[in-house]
Amino acid sequence: MITKEEYRDRVLSHKLSVKIGVQRIIDNLYHRGESHDDDKLDGDILDSFYNVSNRFENVKFGSVEYEQNLEFLKPVLDKHYETNDHHPQHYKNGISGMNFMSMLEMLVDWKSASSAYGDNTFEESMQINKKRFGIDEQLYEVMRNTAKSLGYLD
């Protein structure tokens, strides 16, 4: 039988281990925030996105026109998706290839985009992306719960 002090030491050791693990998560997410979409700031990808940016003016996210513009951008988007793992298109098996870190970055990216363009509420954007990427109900609810905890949803 262990003593109360030994038990307390085990709990403290466990707590330290969890703290270190959480710090690794924080560091990973911080790095993701720092480097998010860096490829859009230089060279061919910047030029390509800039040159077609007007095509997306007054185009509602998820609309037929939006999808047509994505098709027009396909070559540059493929390059962007290749280097950015917060997009389901980065993976051969789509959203199933993602990890929690890439999913969290994706969720924040969706929120930022819906706020920046204002053509849909975040809830509507999530619904569109659920269908677009074939997100199952259980994962979608986890994403909604996360969005709520971040203050993105009522």
Protein backbone atom coordinates (compact mmCIF):
# COMPACT_ATOMS: atom_id res chain seq x y z
CA MET A 1 0.00 0.00 0.00
CA ILE A 2 1.34 3.43 -0.90
CA THR A 3 1.40 6.31 1.50
CA LYS A 4 -0.63 9.47 1.08
CA GLU A 5 2.59 11.35 0.26
CA GLU A 6 3.53 8.82 -2.44
CA TYR A 7 0.05 9.12 -3.94
CA ARG A 8 0.33 12.92 -3.87
CA ASP A 9 3.73 12.69 -5.61
CA ARG A 10 2.20 10.50 -8.34
CA VAL A 11 -0.59 13.02 -8.89
CA LEU A 12 1.93 15.89 -9.05
CA SER A 13 4.06 13.92 -11.53
CA HIS A 14 0.97 13.24 -13.66
CA LYS A 15 -0.03 16.89 -13.47
CA LEU A 16 3.43 17.98 -14.66
CA SER A 17 3.30 15.50 -17.53
CA VAL A 18 -0.09 16.86 -18.63
CA LYS A 19 1.17 20.44 -18.30
CA ILE A 20 4.12 19.64 -20.56
CA GLY A 21 1.81 17.97 -23.09
CA VAL A 22 -0.59 20.92 -23.11
CA GLN A 23 2.36 23.29 -23.60
CA ARG A 24 3.38 21.29 -26.69
CA ILE A 25 -0.15 21.77 -28.03
CA ILE A 26 0.01 25.51 -27.29
CA ASP A 27 3.40 25.79 -29.02
CA ASN A 28 2.10 23.91 -32.06
CA LEU A 29 -0.99 26.11 -32.35
CA TYR A 30 1.07 29.27 -31.83
CA HIS A 31 3.41 28.25 -34.66
CA ARG A 32 0.38 27.55 -36.86
CA GLY A 33 -0.96 31.02 -36.16
CA GLU A 34 2.40 32.60 -36.94
CA SER A 35 2.84 30.78 -40.25
CA HIS A 36 -0.82 30.58 -41.36
CA ASP A 37 -1.14 31.15 -45.14
CA ASP A 38 2.43 32.50 -45.44
CA ASP A 39 2.52 31.15 -48.99
CA LYS A 40 -0.16 33.69 -49.95
CA LEU A 41 2.22 36.57 -49.16
CA ASP A 42 4.86 36.03 -51.85
CA GLY A 43 5.50 34.99 -55.42
CA ASP A 44 3.19 33.15 -57.75
CA ILE A 45 0.56 32.32 -55.15
CA LEU A 46 0.26 35.96 -54.04
CA ASP A 47 0.03 37.10 -57.65
CA SER A 48 -2.54 34.46 -58.54
CA PHE A 49 -4.78 35.12 -55.55
CA TYR A 50 -4.51 38.88 -56.05
CA ASN A 51 -5.30 38.63 -59.76
CA VAL A 52 -8.54 36.75 -59.14
CA SER A 53 -9.57 38.39 -55.86
CA ASN A 54 -12.12 40.58 -57.64
CA ARG A 55 -13.87 37.47 -58.97
CA PHE A 56 -14.91 36.71 -55.39
CA GLU A 57 -16.34 40.16 -54.66
CA ASN A 58 -20.08 39.90 -54.00
CA VAL A 59 -20.00 36.12 -54.43
CA LYS A 60 -21.67 34.20 -51.62
CA PHE A 61 -19.66 31.41 -50.00
CA GLY A 62 -20.95 28.02 -51.09
CA SER A 63 -22.84 29.35 -54.11
CA VAL A 64 -22.51 28.01 -57.65
CA GLU A 65 -20.51 31.14 -58.57
CA TYR A 66 -18.19 30.51 -55.63
CA GLU A 67 -17.59 26.93 -56.74
CA GLN A 68 -16.95 28.11 -60.32
CA ASN A 69 -14.35 30.58 -59.05
CA LEU A 70 -12.68 27.81 -57.06
CA GLU A 71 -12.45 25.78 -60.25
CA PHE A 72 -10.89 28.76 -62.01
CA LEU A 73 -8.33 28.98 -59.17
CA LYS A 74 -7.69 25.23 -59.08
CA PRO A 75 -4.01 25.27 -60.11
CA VAL A 76 -3.03 27.83 -57.47
CA LEU A 77 -5.35 26.33 -54.86
CA ASP A 78 -3.77 22.92 -55.40
CA LYS A 79 -0.37 24.48 -54.65
CA HIS A 80 -1.78 26.20 -51.57
CA TYR A 81 -3.47 23.04 -50.30
CA GLU A 82 -0.29 21.05 -50.86
CA THR A 83 1.63 23.20 -48.37
CA ASN A 84 -1.14 23.93 -45.85
CA ASP A 85 -2.42 21.02 -43.80
CA HIS A 86 -5.31 22.98 -42.28
CA HIS A 87 -7.25 22.31 -45.50
CA PRO A 88 -8.97 18.93 -45.98
CA GLN A 89 -7.80 19.08 -49.61
CA HIS A 90 -4.23 18.63 -48.32
CA TYR A 91 -5.01 14.96 -47.62
CA LYS A 92 -5.85 12.12 -49.98
CA ASN A 93 -8.65 11.06 -47.63
CA GLY A 94 -9.84 14.60 -46.89
CA ILE A 95 -10.92 15.52 -43.40
CA SER A 96 -10.17 11.97 -42.18
CA GLY A 97 -6.46 12.65 -42.71
CA MET A 98 -6.42 15.66 -40.41
CA ASN A 99 -5.27 15.79 -36.80
CA PHE A 100 -6.68 17.93 -34.00
CA MET A 101 -4.10 20.67 -34.60
CA SER A 102 -4.92 21.06 -38.27
CA MET A 103 -8.64 20.88 -37.47
CA LEU A 104 -8.37 23.63 -34.87
CA GLU A 105 -6.50 25.85 -37.32
CA MET A 106 -9.15 25.07 -39.94
CA LEU A 107 -11.97 25.99 -37.56
CA VAL A 108 -10.32 29.33 -36.72
CA ASP A 109 -9.68 29.89 -40.44
CA TRP A 110 -13.36 29.31 -41.19
CA LYS A 111 -14.39 31.73 -38.47
CA SER A 112 -11.96 34.37 -39.69
CA ALA A 113 -13.15 34.00 -43.29
CA SER A 114 -16.82 34.20 -42.33
CA SER A 115 -16.11 37.34 -40.29
CA ALA A 116 -13.98 38.94 -43.00
CA TYR A 117 -16.38 38.40 -45.86
CA GLY A 118 -19.64 38.54 -43.92
CA ASP A 119 -21.70 36.81 -46.58
CA ASN A 120 -22.68 33.97 -44.23
CA THR A 121 -22.92 33.54 -40.50
CA PHE A 122 -20.32 31.25 -39.02
CA GLU A 123 -23.06 28.69 -38.37
CA GLU A 124 -24.03 28.78 -42.07
CA SER A 125 -20.38 28.45 -43.10
CA MET A 126 -19.97 25.44 -40.84
CA GLN A 127 -23.07 23.82 -42.38
CA ILE A 128 -21.76 24.45 -45.91
CA ASN A 129 -18.35 23.00 -45.01
CA LYS A 130 -19.96 20.00 -43.28
CA LYS A 131 -21.62 19.07 -46.56
CA ARG A 132 -18.65 20.13 -48.71
CA PHE A 133 -16.17 17.93 -46.84
CA GLY A 134 -18.48 15.07 -45.82
CA ILE A 135 -18.07 15.69 -42.09
CA ASP A 136 -20.02 13.13 -40.11
CA GLU A 137 -22.47 14.16 -37.40
CA GLN A 138 -20.33 13.21 -34.40
CA LEU A 139 -17.26 15.12 -35.59
CA TYR A 140 -19.45 18.06 -36.60
CA GLU A 141 -20.89 18.23 -33.07
CA VAL A 142 -17.37 18.21 -31.59
CA MET A 143 -16.47 21.07 -33.96
CA ARG A 144 -19.63 22.99 -32.97
CA ASN A 145 -18.87 22.43 -29.27
CA THR A 146 -15.35 23.74 -29.84
CA ALA A 147 -16.67 26.76 -31.73
CA LYS A 148 -19.11 27.46 -28.89
CA SER A 149 -16.36 27.23 -26.28
CA LEU A 150 -14.36 29.79 -28.31
CA GLY A 151 -17.34 32.15 -28.40
CA TYR A 152 -17.90 31.69 -32.15
CA LEU A 153 -21.50 30.49 -31.73
CA ASP A 154 -24.33 31.40 -29.37
